[in-house]
Amino acid sequence: MPKYNDEQLTQNIINMLKEKLTKDYSPGSTKRDAHPKCLGLLKAYFIVARDLPKEYQVGIFKEPKTYSAFIRVSNSNPKINSDKIKDFRGFSIKLLGVNGPKCTKDEKYTQDFLFINNETMPLGTLNLFHDAIYYTTKSNPIIFGVKLLLNGKIGILKDITKNQKHDTSPLDIKYFSTTPYMFGNKKVKYSLVPRSIYQSQLPKEMTPTYLTNNMQKHLQSHEAIFDFMVQFQTTEKAMPTNDASIKWNEDKSPFIKLAQIKIPIQEFTTKEREELAEILSFSPGHALTSHRPIGDINIARIKIYEEMSKFRHFRNKEKLFEPDERYFNNID
């Protein structure tokens, strides 16, 4: 395979994903290229902590404030599989009513934070990310495995397999941004730590929708709570920007709580929520400049997510849509 620069790698990924979606879905029914199975779209509140030290009063954390938010919970597999199949979970947060200079022009007054329930991104460089898509969509996945073996990176596949799980509920587990962002003039990663009193149990017999069922059972009578945490980079060598497969050492730089997410009691298994979950777009590029994404993968993701969202909406004859607080208050 020829060597490409970052811009060429990004465009190759976009082209391959568009080709895959065109093959997999008919017009009008196109899903996301990743995280297509939504486990639930939740209404939530993002509560910035009071009395934060001055050094943490950046962007949306400048002052104590409560933001309305939508959270899309998902399975990560590019195929819509049964919940009985082990997988990673996605947890994408969209804050509403956010003011300030933005990274891109299309997100209006929103701020997105994207998480997965794995501490790192195993395919942590743009080249690996590109190769994985190439060999799984246009070639043979076995060849990709052999390539990793020959390059001494077979542990990547082992880590992916080992860390995919049967979770009790998406509301019971920790999440990580895996990729870095700016926090003013510092580099950070984010994490979510569950703090709910209620804990789900694995059903005696797992069903194709047990994760959604367990979340709904939780939110039928109890709120769900997460702490929103930040971890600051110490040095580029120890905590690299351009390799998301390397864990930033928590002993050297512990996570610090900046906010709390409260997900109130609600009924989310409705047709209205399902339809909204399909229309919404989430991206690391939907951010204030003070929280802008950095690193090769994130820069590529901004372009990929933008193009794939436009492609999906075009094929489904839908308009791009960003909600506001009024919409939040009017939807059940």
C-alpha atoms as a PDB file:
ATOM      1  CA  MET A   1       0.000   0.000   0.000  1.00  0.00           C
ATOM      2  CA  PRO A   2       1.429   3.439  -0.914  1.00  0.00           C
ATOM      3  CA  LYS A   3       2.226   5.979   1.766  1.00  0.00           C
ATOM      4  CA  TYR A   4      -0.270   8.813   2.169  1.00  0.00           C
ATOM      5  CA  ASN A   5      -0.176  12.092   4.064  1.00  0.00           C
ATOM      6  CA  ASP A   6      -2.813  12.820   6.711  1.00  0.00           C
ATOM      7  CA  GLU A   7      -5.121  14.634   4.320  1.00  0.00           C
ATOM      8  CA  GLN A   8      -4.995  11.756   1.826  1.00  0.00           C
ATOM      9  CA  LEU A   9      -5.577   9.183   4.576  1.00  0.00           C
ATOM     10  CA  THR A  10      -8.610  11.140   5.754  1.00  0.00           C
ATOM     11  CA  GLN A  11     -10.097  11.402   2.273  1.00  0.00           C
ATOM     12  CA  ASN A  12      -9.440   7.703   1.627  1.00  0.00           C
ATOM     13  CA  ILE A  13     -11.335   6.832   4.816  1.00  0.00           C
ATOM     14  CA  ILE A  14     -14.275   9.013   3.770  1.00  0.00           C
ATOM     15  CA  ASN A  15     -14.388   7.425   0.315  1.00  0.00           C
ATOM     16  CA  MET A  16     -14.236   3.886   1.703  1.00  0.00           C
ATOM     17  CA  LEU A  17     -16.949   4.544   4.282  1.00  0.00           C
ATOM     18  CA  LYS A  18     -19.267   6.130   1.732  1.00  0.00           C
ATOM     19  CA  GLU A  19     -18.776   3.136  -0.542  1.00  0.00           C
ATOM     20  CA  LYS A  20     -19.526   0.775   2.334  1.00  0.00           C
ATOM     21  CA  LEU A  21     -22.701   2.596   3.399  1.00  0.00           C
ATOM     22  CA  THR A  22     -23.919   2.693  -0.206  1.00  0.00           C
ATOM     23  CA  LYS A  23     -23.444  -1.073  -0.381  1.00  0.00           C
ATOM     24  CA  ASP A  24     -24.953  -1.834   3.027  1.00  0.00           C
ATOM     25  CA  TYR A  25     -28.009   0.463   2.997  1.00  0.00           C
ATOM     26  CA  SER A  26     -30.607   1.541   0.491  1.00  0.00           C
ATOM     27  CA  PRO A  27     -31.402   5.270   0.201  1.00  0.00           C
ATOM     28  CA  GLY A  28     -33.723   6.368   2.977  1.00  0.00           C
ATOM     29  CA  SER A  29     -32.424   3.850   5.514  1.00  0.00           C
ATOM     30  CA  THR A  30     -28.731   4.739   5.839  1.00  0.00           C
ATOM     31  CA  LYS A  31     -27.258   4.338   9.307  1.00  0.00           C
ATOM     32  CA  ARG A  32     -24.032   5.634  10.828  1.00  0.00           C
ATOM     33  CA  ASP A  33     -20.799   4.010   9.686  1.00  0.00           C
ATOM     34  CA  ALA A  34     -19.874   3.451  13.370  1.00  0.00           C
ATOM     35  CA  HIS A  35     -22.071   3.136  16.448  1.00  0.00           C
ATOM     36  CA  PRO A  36     -25.195   2.589  14.307  1.00  0.00           C
ATOM     37  CA  LYS A  37     -27.157   0.801  17.036  1.00  0.00           C
ATOM     38  CA  CYS A  38     -28.600   3.347  19.425  1.00  0.00           C
ATOM     39  CA  LEU A  39     -29.372   1.876  22.847  1.00  0.00           C
ATOM     40  CA  GLY A  40     -31.179   5.020  23.940  1.00  0.00           C
ATOM     41  CA  LEU A  41     -31.306   8.781  23.552  1.00  0.00           C
ATOM     42  CA  LEU A  42     -31.413  10.303  27.026  1.00  0.00           C
ATOM     43  CA  LYS A  43     -32.245  13.743  28.361  1.00  0.00           C
ATOM     44  CA  ALA A  44     -29.749  14.901  30.960  1.00  0.00           C
ATOM     45  CA  TYR A  45     -28.316  17.854  32.841  1.00  0.00           C
ATOM     46  CA  PHE A  46     -24.632  18.770  32.875  1.00  0.00           C
ATOM     47  CA  ILE A  47     -23.900  20.598  36.139  1.00  0.00           C
ATOM     48  CA  VAL A  48     -20.624  22.513  36.353  1.00  0.00           C
ATOM     49  CA  ALA A  49     -19.141  22.303  39.854  1.00  0.00           C
ATOM     50  CA  ARG A  50     -19.116  25.346  42.097  1.00  0.00           C
ATOM     51  CA  ASP A  51     -15.909  26.921  43.387  1.00  0.00           C
ATOM     52  CA  LEU A  52     -13.605  25.358  40.824  1.00  0.00           C
ATOM     53  CA  PRO A  53     -10.001  26.574  41.158  1.00  0.00           C
ATOM     54  CA  LYS A  54      -9.168  29.392  38.747  1.00  0.00           C
ATOM     55  CA  GLU A  55      -7.018  27.140  36.544  1.00  0.00           C
ATOM     56  CA  TYR A  56     -10.059  24.981  35.758  1.00  0.00           C
ATOM     57  CA  GLN A  57     -12.392  27.868  34.924  1.00  0.00           C
ATOM     58  CA  VAL A  58     -12.081  27.427  31.172  1.00  0.00           C
ATOM     59  CA  GLY A  59     -14.727  27.373  28.429  1.00  0.00           C
ATOM     60  CA  ILE A  60     -17.957  25.841  29.653  1.00  0.00           C
ATOM     61  CA  PHE A  61     -16.424  25.538  33.125  1.00  0.00           C
ATOM     62  CA  LYS A  62     -15.917  29.300  33.577  1.00  0.00           C
ATOM     63  CA  GLU A  63     -18.802  29.553  36.015  1.00  0.00           C
ATOM     64  CA  PRO A  64     -21.289  27.314  37.827  1.00  0.00           C
ATOM     65  CA  LYS A  65     -24.016  26.516  35.325  1.00  0.00           C
ATOM     66  CA  THR A  66     -26.426  23.746  34.414  1.00  0.00           C
ATOM     67  CA  TYR A  67     -26.642  22.803  30.748  1.00  0.00           C
ATOM     68  CA  SER A  68     -29.439  20.765  29.212  1.00  0.00           C
ATOM     69  CA  ALA A  69     -28.015  17.835  27.262  1.00  0.00           C
ATOM     70  CA  PHE A  70     -28.882  14.932  25.001  1.00  0.00           C
ATOM     71  CA  ILE A  71     -26.880  11.720  25.394  1.00  0.00           C
ATOM     72  CA  ARG A  72     -26.821   9.065  22.677  1.00  0.00           C
ATOM     73  CA  VAL A  73     -25.831   5.661  24.070  1.00  0.00           C
ATOM     74  CA  SER A  74     -24.730   3.079  21.513  1.00  0.00           C
ATOM     75  CA  ASN A  75     -22.969  -0.148  20.626  1.00  0.00           C
ATOM     76  CA  SER A  76     -19.787   0.497  18.663  1.00  0.00           C
ATOM     77  CA  ASN A  77     -19.876  -2.325  16.124  1.00  0.00           C
ATOM     78  CA  PRO A  78     -20.471  -1.041  12.566  1.00  0.00           C
ATOM     79  CA  LYS A  79     -23.156  -3.708  12.245  1.00  0.00           C
ATOM     80  CA  ILE A  80     -26.434  -3.575  14.165  1.00  0.00           C
ATOM     81  CA  ASN A  81     -25.969  -6.665  16.300  1.00  0.00           C
ATOM     82  CA  SER A  82     -27.797  -8.241  19.192  1.00  0.00           C
ATOM     83  CA  ASP A  83     -26.806  -7.036  22.664  1.00  0.00           C
ATOM     84  CA  LYS A  84     -25.891 -10.665  23.330  1.00  0.00           C
ATOM     85  CA  ILE A  85     -22.712 -10.079  21.303  1.00  0.00           C
ATOM     86  CA  LYS A  86     -19.821  -8.564  23.288  1.00  0.00           C
ATOM     87  CA  ASP A  87     -19.027  -5.011  22.267  1.00  0.00           C
ATOM     88  CA  PHE A  88     -17.842  -1.558  23.329  1.00  0.00           C
ATOM     89  CA  ARG A  89     -20.333   1.140  24.350  1.00  0.00           C
ATOM     90  CA  GLY A  90     -20.424   4.706  23.109  1.00  0.00           C
ATOM     91  CA  PHE A  91     -21.647   7.640  25.195  1.00  0.00           C
ATOM     92  CA  SER A  92     -21.992  10.856  23.177  1.00  0.00           C
ATOM     93  CA  ILE A  93     -23.003  14.030  25.002  1.00  0.00           C
ATOM     94  CA  LYS A  94     -24.431  17.152  23.364  1.00  0.00           C
ATOM     95  CA  LEU A  95     -24.642  20.216  25.608  1.00  0.00           C
ATOM     96  CA  LEU A  96     -27.173  22.870  24.598  1.00  0.00           C
ATOM     97  CA  GLY A  97     -27.069  26.640  25.003  1.00  0.00           C
ATOM     98  CA  VAL A  98     -23.283  26.891  24.804  1.00  0.00           C
ATOM     99  CA  ASN A  99     -21.970  30.303  23.814  1.00  0.00           C
ATOM    100  CA  GLY A 100     -18.518  31.278  22.629  1.00  0.00           C
ATOM    101  CA  PRO A 101     -16.121  30.910  19.674  1.00  0.00           C
ATOM    102  CA  LYS A 102     -16.581  27.512  17.984  1.00  0.00           C
ATOM    103  CA  CYS A 103     -14.216  25.222  16.078  1.00  0.00           C
ATOM    104  CA  THR A 104     -16.624  24.800  13.176  1.00  0.00           C
ATOM    105  CA  LYS A 105     -19.522  26.841  11.865  1.00  0.00           C
ATOM    106  CA  ASP A 106     -22.250  24.187  11.722  1.00  0.00           C
ATOM    107  CA  GLU A 107     -22.873  23.207  15.340  1.00  0.00           C
ATOM    108  CA  LYS A 108     -24.563  26.470  16.431  1.00  0.00           C
ATOM    109  CA  TYR A 109     -24.841  26.568  20.219  1.00  0.00           C
ATOM    110  CA  THR A 110     -23.820  23.039  21.133  1.00  0.00           C
ATOM    111  CA  GLN A 111     -20.759  21.349  22.626  1.00  0.00           C
ATOM    112  CA  ASP A 112     -20.175  17.631  22.118  1.00  0.00           C
ATOM    113  CA  PHE A 113     -18.113  15.230  24.227  1.00  0.00           C
ATOM    114  CA  LEU A 114     -17.557  11.722  22.810  1.00  0.00           C
ATOM    115  CA  PHE A 115     -16.705   8.728  24.984  1.00  0.00           C
ATOM    116  CA  ILE A 116     -16.240   4.969  24.780  1.00  0.00           C
ATOM    117  CA  ASN A 117     -15.954   2.473  27.631  1.00  0.00           C
ATOM    118  CA  ASN A 118     -12.307   1.685  26.928  1.00  0.00           C
ATOM    119  CA  GLU A 119      -9.344   3.553  28.360  1.00  0.00           C
ATOM    120  CA  THR A 120      -7.569   3.780  25.015  1.00  0.00           C
ATOM    121  CA  MET A 121      -8.253   3.621  21.300  1.00  0.00           C
ATOM    122  CA  PRO A 122      -6.441   0.396  20.293  1.00  0.00           C
ATOM    123  CA  LEU A 123      -6.056   1.576  16.688  1.00  0.00           C
ATOM    124  CA  GLY A 124      -4.503   4.702  18.084  1.00  0.00           C
ATOM    125  CA  THR A 125      -2.809   6.273  15.058  1.00  0.00           C
ATOM    126  CA  LEU A 126      -4.310   7.622  11.859  1.00  0.00           C
ATOM    127  CA  ASN A 127      -2.335   5.115   9.762  1.00  0.00           C
ATOM    128  CA  LEU A 128      -3.652   2.148  11.751  1.00  0.00           C
ATOM    129  CA  PHE A 129      -7.176   3.568  11.686  1.00  0.00           C
ATOM    130  CA  HIS A 130      -6.950   3.893   7.891  1.00  0.00           C
ATOM    131  CA  ASP A 131      -5.501   0.396   7.409  1.00  0.00           C
ATOM    132  CA  ALA A 132      -8.168  -1.212   9.581  1.00  0.00           C
ATOM    133  CA  ILE A 133     -10.919   0.318   7.450  1.00  0.00           C
ATOM    134  CA  TYR A 134      -9.140  -0.580   4.216  1.00  0.00           C
ATOM    135  CA  TYR A 135      -8.596  -4.243   5.076  1.00  0.00           C
ATOM    136  CA  THR A 136     -12.095  -4.725   6.528  1.00  0.00           C
ATOM    137  CA  THR A 137     -13.971  -3.004   3.686  1.00  0.00           C
ATOM    138  CA  LYS A 138     -11.884  -3.425   0.530  1.00  0.00           C
ATOM    139  CA  SER A 139      -9.505  -6.300   1.197  1.00  0.00           C
ATOM    140  CA  ASN A 140      -9.296  -9.127   3.753  1.00  0.00           C
ATOM    141  CA  PRO A 141      -9.312  -8.640   7.542  1.00  0.00           C
ATOM    142  CA  ILE A 142      -6.983 -11.640   7.879  1.00  0.00           C
ATOM    143  CA  ILE A 143      -4.321  -9.737   5.931  1.00  0.00           C
ATOM    144  CA  PHE A 144      -4.631  -6.890   8.426  1.00  0.00           C
ATOM    145  CA  GLY A 145      -4.113  -9.358  11.262  1.00  0.00           C
ATOM    146  CA  VAL A 146      -1.016 -10.757   9.569  1.00  0.00           C
ATOM    147  CA  LYS A 147       0.316  -7.248   9.029  1.00  0.00           C
ATOM    148  CA  LEU A 148      -0.127  -6.470  12.725  1.00  0.00           C
ATOM    149  CA  LEU A 149       1.613  -9.737  13.625  1.00  0.00           C
ATOM    150  CA  LEU A 150       4.594  -9.001  11.388  1.00  0.00           C
ATOM    151  CA  ASN A 151       4.882  -5.493  12.865  1.00  0.00           C
ATOM    152  CA  GLY A 152       4.718  -6.791  16.437  1.00  0.00           C
ATOM    153  CA  LYS A 153       1.292  -5.243  17.036  1.00  0.00           C
ATOM    154  CA  ILE A 154      -0.899  -8.336  17.298  1.00  0.00           C
ATOM    155  CA  GLY A 155      -1.617  -7.265  20.889  1.00  0.00           C
ATOM    156  CA  ILE A 156      -3.985  -4.653  19.447  1.00  0.00           C
ATOM    157  CA  LEU A 157      -6.414  -7.346  18.306  1.00  0.00           C
ATOM    158  CA  LYS A 158      -6.048  -9.185  21.613  1.00  0.00           C
ATOM    159  CA  ASP A 159      -6.863  -6.005  23.538  1.00  0.00           C
ATOM    160  CA  ILE A 160      -9.941  -5.348  21.407  1.00  0.00           C
ATOM    161  CA  THR A 161     -11.226  -8.875  21.969  1.00  0.00           C
ATOM    162  CA  LYS A 162     -10.410  -8.876  25.693  1.00  0.00           C
ATOM    163  CA  ASN A 163     -12.046  -5.525  26.433  1.00  0.00           C
ATOM    164  CA  GLN A 164     -15.331  -6.140  24.649  1.00  0.00           C
ATOM    165  CA  LYS A 165     -17.821  -7.184  27.318  1.00  0.00           C
ATOM    166  CA  HIS A 166     -21.331  -8.007  28.374  1.00  0.00           C
ATOM    167  CA  ASP A 167     -22.034  -4.944  30.508  1.00  0.00           C
ATOM    168  CA  THR A 168     -24.857  -4.896  33.035  1.00  0.00           C
ATOM    169  CA  SER A 169     -25.966  -1.502  31.708  1.00  0.00           C
ATOM    170  CA  PRO A 170     -24.406   1.474  29.921  1.00  0.00           C
ATOM    171  CA  LEU A 171     -25.324   3.467  33.040  1.00  0.00           C
ATOM    172  CA  ASP A 172     -23.059   1.335  35.267  1.00  0.00           C
ATOM    173  CA  ILE A 173     -19.685   1.704  33.548  1.00  0.00           C
ATOM    174  CA  LYS A 174     -16.787   4.163  33.133  1.00  0.00           C
ATOM    175  CA  TYR A 175     -16.148   5.970  29.859  1.00  0.00           C
ATOM    176  CA  PHE A 176     -13.086   7.667  28.360  1.00  0.00           C
ATOM    177  CA  SER A 177     -12.483  10.206  25.601  1.00  0.00           C
ATOM    178  CA  THR A 178      -9.353   8.195  24.543  1.00  0.00           C
ATOM    179  CA  THR A 179      -8.215  11.113  22.336  1.00  0.00           C
ATOM    180  CA  PRO A 180      -6.868  14.478  23.597  1.00  0.00           C
ATOM    181  CA  TYR A 181      -8.352  17.959  23.573  1.00  0.00           C
ATOM    182  CA  MET A 182      -7.234  21.441  24.489  1.00  0.00           C
ATOM    183  CA  PHE A 183      -8.365  22.895  27.780  1.00  0.00           C
ATOM    184  CA  GLY A 184      -7.430  26.529  27.345  1.00  0.00           C
ATOM    185  CA  ASN A 185      -3.680  26.258  26.749  1.00  0.00           C
ATOM    186  CA  LYS A 186      -3.320  22.761  28.250  1.00  0.00           C
ATOM    187  CA  LYS A 187      -3.861  19.297  26.779  1.00  0.00           C
ATOM    188  CA  VAL A 188      -6.343  16.938  28.443  1.00  0.00           C
ATOM    189  CA  LYS A 189      -8.374  13.773  28.198  1.00  0.00           C
ATOM    190  CA  TYR A 190     -11.789  13.222  29.760  1.00  0.00           C
ATOM    191  CA  SER A 191     -13.524  10.454  31.657  1.00  0.00           C
ATOM    192  CA  LEU A 192     -16.972   9.680  33.068  1.00  0.00           C
ATOM    193  CA  VAL A 193     -17.294   7.823  36.370  1.00  0.00           C
ATOM    194  CA  PRO A 194     -20.691   6.307  37.322  1.00  0.00           C
ATOM    195  CA  ARG A 195     -22.056   7.342  40.725  1.00  0.00           C
ATOM    196  CA  SER A 196     -25.612   5.990  40.629  1.00  0.00           C
ATOM    197  CA  ILE A 197     -27.063   4.324  43.702  1.00  0.00           C
ATOM    198  CA  TYR A 198     -29.034   1.913  41.515  1.00  0.00           C
ATOM    199  CA  GLN A 199     -27.038  -0.851  39.797  1.00  0.00           C
ATOM    200  CA  SER A 200     -28.364  -3.157  37.093  1.00  0.00           C
ATOM    201  CA  GLN A 201     -27.879  -6.914  36.952  1.00  0.00           C
ATOM    202  CA  LEU A 202     -27.212  -9.112  33.965  1.00  0.00           C
ATOM    203  CA  PRO A 203     -30.441 -10.916  33.060  1.00  0.00           C
ATOM    204  CA  LYS A 204     -30.490 -14.673  33.523  1.00  0.00           C
ATOM    205  CA  GLU A 205     -31.029 -14.906  29.790  1.00  0.00           C
ATOM    206  CA  MET A 206     -29.610 -12.072  27.695  1.00  0.00           C
ATOM    207  CA  THR A 207     -31.882 -10.745  24.971  1.00  0.00           C
ATOM    208  CA  PRO A 208     -31.059  -8.755  21.813  1.00  0.00           C
ATOM    209  CA  THR A 209     -32.157  -5.557  23.612  1.00  0.00           C
ATOM    210  CA  TYR A 210     -31.203  -6.273  27.234  1.00  0.00           C
ATOM    211  CA  LEU A 211     -28.988  -3.170  27.495  1.00  0.00           C
ATOM    212  CA  THR A 212     -31.823  -0.845  26.490  1.00  0.00           C
ATOM    213  CA  ASN A 213     -34.186  -2.750  28.769  1.00  0.00           C
ATOM    214  CA  ASN A 214     -31.842  -2.438  31.752  1.00  0.00           C
ATOM    215  CA  MET A 215     -31.344   1.287  31.155  1.00  0.00           C
ATOM    216  CA  GLN A 216     -35.093   1.838  30.967  1.00  0.00           C
ATOM    217  CA  LYS A 217     -35.654  -0.198  34.120  1.00  0.00           C
ATOM    218  CA  HIS A 218     -33.035   1.939  35.889  1.00  0.00           C
ATOM    219  CA  LEU A 219     -34.582   5.225  34.732  1.00  0.00           C
ATOM    220  CA  GLN A 220     -38.107   4.083  35.512  1.00  0.00           C
ATOM    221  CA  SER A 221     -37.584   4.786  39.200  1.00  0.00           C
ATOM    222  CA  HIS A 222     -34.026   6.098  39.758  1.00  0.00           C
ATOM    223  CA  GLU A 223     -31.850   8.837  38.257  1.00  0.00           C
ATOM    224  CA  ALA A 224     -28.410   8.019  36.875  1.00  0.00           C
ATOM    225  CA  ILE A 225     -25.331  10.045  37.818  1.00  0.00           C
ATOM    226  CA  PHE A 226     -21.839  10.390  36.366  1.00  0.00           C
ATOM    227  CA  ASP A 227     -18.891  12.521  37.441  1.00  0.00           C
ATOM    228  CA  PHE A 228     -17.256  14.363  34.539  1.00  0.00           C
ATOM    229  CA  MET A 229     -13.487  14.177  35.013  1.00  0.00           C
ATOM    230  CA  VAL A 230     -10.454  15.762  33.365  1.00  0.00           C
ATOM    231  CA  GLN A 231      -6.828  14.565  33.188  1.00  0.00           C
ATOM    232  CA  PHE A 232      -4.010  16.968  32.290  1.00  0.00           C
ATOM    233  CA  GLN A 233      -1.038  16.016  30.143  1.00  0.00           C
ATOM    234  CA  THR A 234       2.294  16.119  31.984  1.00  0.00           C
ATOM    235  CA  THR A 235       4.759  15.654  29.122  1.00  0.00           C
ATOM    236  CA  GLU A 236       4.383  14.836  25.437  1.00  0.00           C
ATOM    237  CA  LYS A 237       6.735  11.880  25.770  1.00  0.00           C
ATOM    238  CA  ALA A 238       4.838  10.241  28.632  1.00  0.00           C
ATOM    239  CA  MET A 239       1.383  11.235  27.380  1.00  0.00           C
ATOM    240  CA  PRO A 240       1.531  11.468  23.567  1.00  0.00           C
ATOM    241  CA  THR A 241      -0.946  13.494  21.551  1.00  0.00           C
ATOM    242  CA  ASN A 242      -0.789  11.399  18.392  1.00  0.00           C
ATOM    243  CA  ASP A 243      -1.056   7.856  19.740  1.00  0.00           C
ATOM    244  CA  ALA A 244      -4.405   7.222  21.397  1.00  0.00           C
ATOM    245  CA  SER A 245      -3.453   3.598  22.135  1.00  0.00           C
ATOM    246  CA  ILE A 246      -1.187   4.730  24.992  1.00  0.00           C
ATOM    247  CA  LYS A 247      -2.864   5.221  28.363  1.00  0.00           C
ATOM    248  CA  TRP A 248      -2.050   8.420  30.200  1.00  0.00           C
ATOM    249  CA  ASN A 249      -0.764   7.412  33.639  1.00  0.00           C
ATOM    250  CA  GLU A 250      -3.300   8.291  36.339  1.00  0.00           C
ATOM    251  CA  ASP A 251      -0.641   8.050  39.065  1.00  0.00           C
ATOM    252  CA  LYS A 252       1.271  10.863  37.355  1.00  0.00           C
ATOM    253  CA  SER A 253      -1.856  12.877  36.553  1.00  0.00           C
ATOM    254  CA  PRO A 254      -5.057  11.895  38.393  1.00  0.00           C
ATOM    255  CA  PHE A 255      -8.483  12.647  36.977  1.00  0.00           C
ATOM    256  CA  ILE A 256     -10.151  15.717  38.521  1.00  0.00           C
ATOM    257  CA  LYS A 257     -13.898  16.261  38.807  1.00  0.00           C
ATOM    258  CA  LEU A 258     -15.241  19.334  36.996  1.00  0.00           C
ATOM    259  CA  ALA A 259     -18.935  18.586  36.661  1.00  0.00           C
ATOM    260  CA  GLN A 260     -21.702  16.089  37.287  1.00  0.00           C
ATOM    261  CA  ILE A 261     -24.136  14.601  34.801  1.00  0.00           C
ATOM    262  CA  LYS A 262     -27.615  13.835  36.091  1.00  0.00           C
ATOM    263  CA  ILE A 263     -29.952  11.730  33.969  1.00  0.00           C
ATOM    264  CA  PRO A 264     -33.429  12.058  35.487  1.00  0.00           C
ATOM    265  CA  ILE A 265     -36.204   9.485  35.607  1.00  0.00           C
ATOM    266  CA  GLN A 266     -37.679   9.272  32.110  1.00  0.00           C
ATOM    267  CA  GLU A 267     -39.284   7.129  29.450  1.00  0.00           C
ATOM    268  CA  PHE A 268     -36.872   7.112  26.511  1.00  0.00           C
ATOM    269  CA  THR A 269     -38.038   4.056  24.550  1.00  0.00           C
ATOM    270  CA  THR A 270     -40.378   6.113  22.377  1.00  0.00           C
ATOM    271  CA  LYS A 271     -40.626   6.564  18.629  1.00  0.00           C
ATOM    272  CA  GLU A 272     -39.914  10.292  19.003  1.00  0.00           C
ATOM    273  CA  ARG A 273     -36.614   9.622  20.792  1.00  0.00           C
ATOM    274  CA  GLU A 274     -35.643   6.919  18.304  1.00  0.00           C
ATOM    275  CA  GLU A 275     -36.217   9.273  15.371  1.00  0.00           C
ATOM    276  CA  LEU A 276     -34.275  12.107  17.012  1.00  0.00           C
ATOM    277  CA  ALA A 277     -31.370   9.758  17.791  1.00  0.00           C
ATOM    278  CA  GLU A 278     -31.050   8.987  14.078  1.00  0.00           C
ATOM    279  CA  ILE A 279     -31.130  12.641  12.992  1.00  0.00           C
ATOM    280  CA  LEU A 280     -28.641  14.024  15.519  1.00  0.00           C
ATOM    281  CA  SER A 281     -24.959  14.296  14.618  1.00  0.00           C
ATOM    282  CA  PHE A 282     -22.094  14.140  17.108  1.00  0.00           C
ATOM    283  CA  SER A 283     -18.508  15.169  16.441  1.00  0.00           C
ATOM    284  CA  PRO A 284     -15.329  16.095  18.328  1.00  0.00           C
ATOM    285  CA  GLY A 285     -15.398  19.215  16.151  1.00  0.00           C
ATOM    286  CA  HIS A 286     -18.620  20.425  17.776  1.00  0.00           C
ATOM    287  CA  ALA A 287     -16.653  22.301  20.410  1.00  0.00           C
ATOM    288  CA  LEU A 288     -15.628  25.668  21.754  1.00  0.00           C
ATOM    289  CA  THR A 289     -12.146  26.629  20.603  1.00  0.00           C
ATOM    290  CA  SER A 290     -11.017  26.407  24.239  1.00  0.00           C
ATOM    291  CA  HIS A 291     -12.006  22.692  24.152  1.00  0.00           C
ATOM    292  CA  ARG A 292     -10.921  22.012  20.577  1.00  0.00           C
ATOM    293  CA  PRO A 293      -9.835  18.491  19.559  1.00  0.00           C
ATOM    294  CA  ILE A 294      -6.156  17.923  18.829  1.00  0.00           C
ATOM    295  CA  GLY A 295      -4.020  15.119  17.409  1.00  0.00           C
ATOM    296  CA  ASP A 296      -3.955  13.455  13.998  1.00  0.00           C
ATOM    297  CA  ILE A 297      -6.922  11.175  14.640  1.00  0.00           C
ATOM    298  CA  ASN A 298      -9.132  13.930  16.040  1.00  0.00           C
ATOM    299  CA  ILE A 299      -8.332  16.295  13.180  1.00  0.00           C
ATOM    300  CA  ALA A 300      -9.240  13.517  10.753  1.00  0.00           C
ATOM    301  CA  ARG A 301     -12.396  12.689  12.711  1.00  0.00           C
ATOM    302  CA  ILE A 302     -13.674  16.242  12.368  1.00  0.00           C
ATOM    303  CA  LYS A 303     -13.625  15.978   8.578  1.00  0.00           C
ATOM    304  CA  ILE A 304     -14.793  12.341   8.490  1.00  0.00           C
ATOM    305  CA  TYR A 305     -17.717  12.906  10.862  1.00  0.00           C
ATOM    306  CA  GLU A 306     -18.801  16.025   8.988  1.00  0.00           C
ATOM    307  CA  GLU A 307     -18.725  14.349   5.579  1.00  0.00           C
ATOM    308  CA  MET A 308     -20.343  11.127   6.757  1.00  0.00           C
ATOM    309  CA  SER A 309     -23.133  12.995   8.537  1.00  0.00           C
ATOM    310  CA  LYS A 310     -23.885  15.015   5.404  1.00  0.00           C
ATOM    311  CA  PHE A 311     -23.787  11.828   3.315  1.00  0.00           C
ATOM    312  CA  ARG A 312     -26.141   9.978   5.667  1.00  0.00           C
ATOM    313  CA  HIS A 313     -28.616  12.841   5.846  1.00  0.00           C
ATOM    314  CA  PHE A 314     -28.518  13.341   2.063  1.00  0.00           C
ATOM    315  CA  ARG A 315     -29.256   9.658   1.377  1.00  0.00           C
ATOM    316  CA  ASN A 316     -32.105   9.743   3.893  1.00  0.00           C
ATOM    317  CA  LYS A 317     -33.456  13.052   2.524  1.00  0.00           C
ATOM    318  CA  GLU A 318     -33.105  14.652   5.957  1.00  0.00           C
ATOM    319  CA  LYS A 319     -31.811  18.054   6.946  1.00  0.00           C
ATOM    320  CA  LEU A 320     -28.878  18.443   9.303  1.00  0.00           C
ATOM    321  CA  PHE A 321     -30.247  19.325  12.721  1.00  0.00           C
ATOM    322  CA  GLU A 322     -28.858  20.779  15.936  1.00  0.00           C
ATOM    323  CA  PRO A 323     -31.328  21.030  18.847  1.00  0.00           C
ATOM    324  CA  ASP A 324     -31.698  23.972  21.205  1.00  0.00           C
ATOM    325  CA  GLU A 325     -32.986  24.281  24.767  1.00  0.00           C
ATOM    326  CA  ARG A 326     -36.527  25.009  23.620  1.00  0.00           C
ATOM    327  CA  TYR A 327     -36.553  21.775  21.636  1.00  0.00           C
ATOM    328  CA  PHE A 328     -35.157  19.954  24.684  1.00  0.00           C
ATOM    329  CA  ASN A 329     -37.998  21.241  26.854  1.00  0.00           C
ATOM    330  CA  ASN A 330     -40.684  20.332  24.337  1.00  0.00           C
ATOM    331  CA  ILE A 331     -39.664  16.742  23.633  1.00  0.00           C
ATOM    332  CA  ASP A 332     -40.810  13.984  25.988  1.00  0.00           C
END
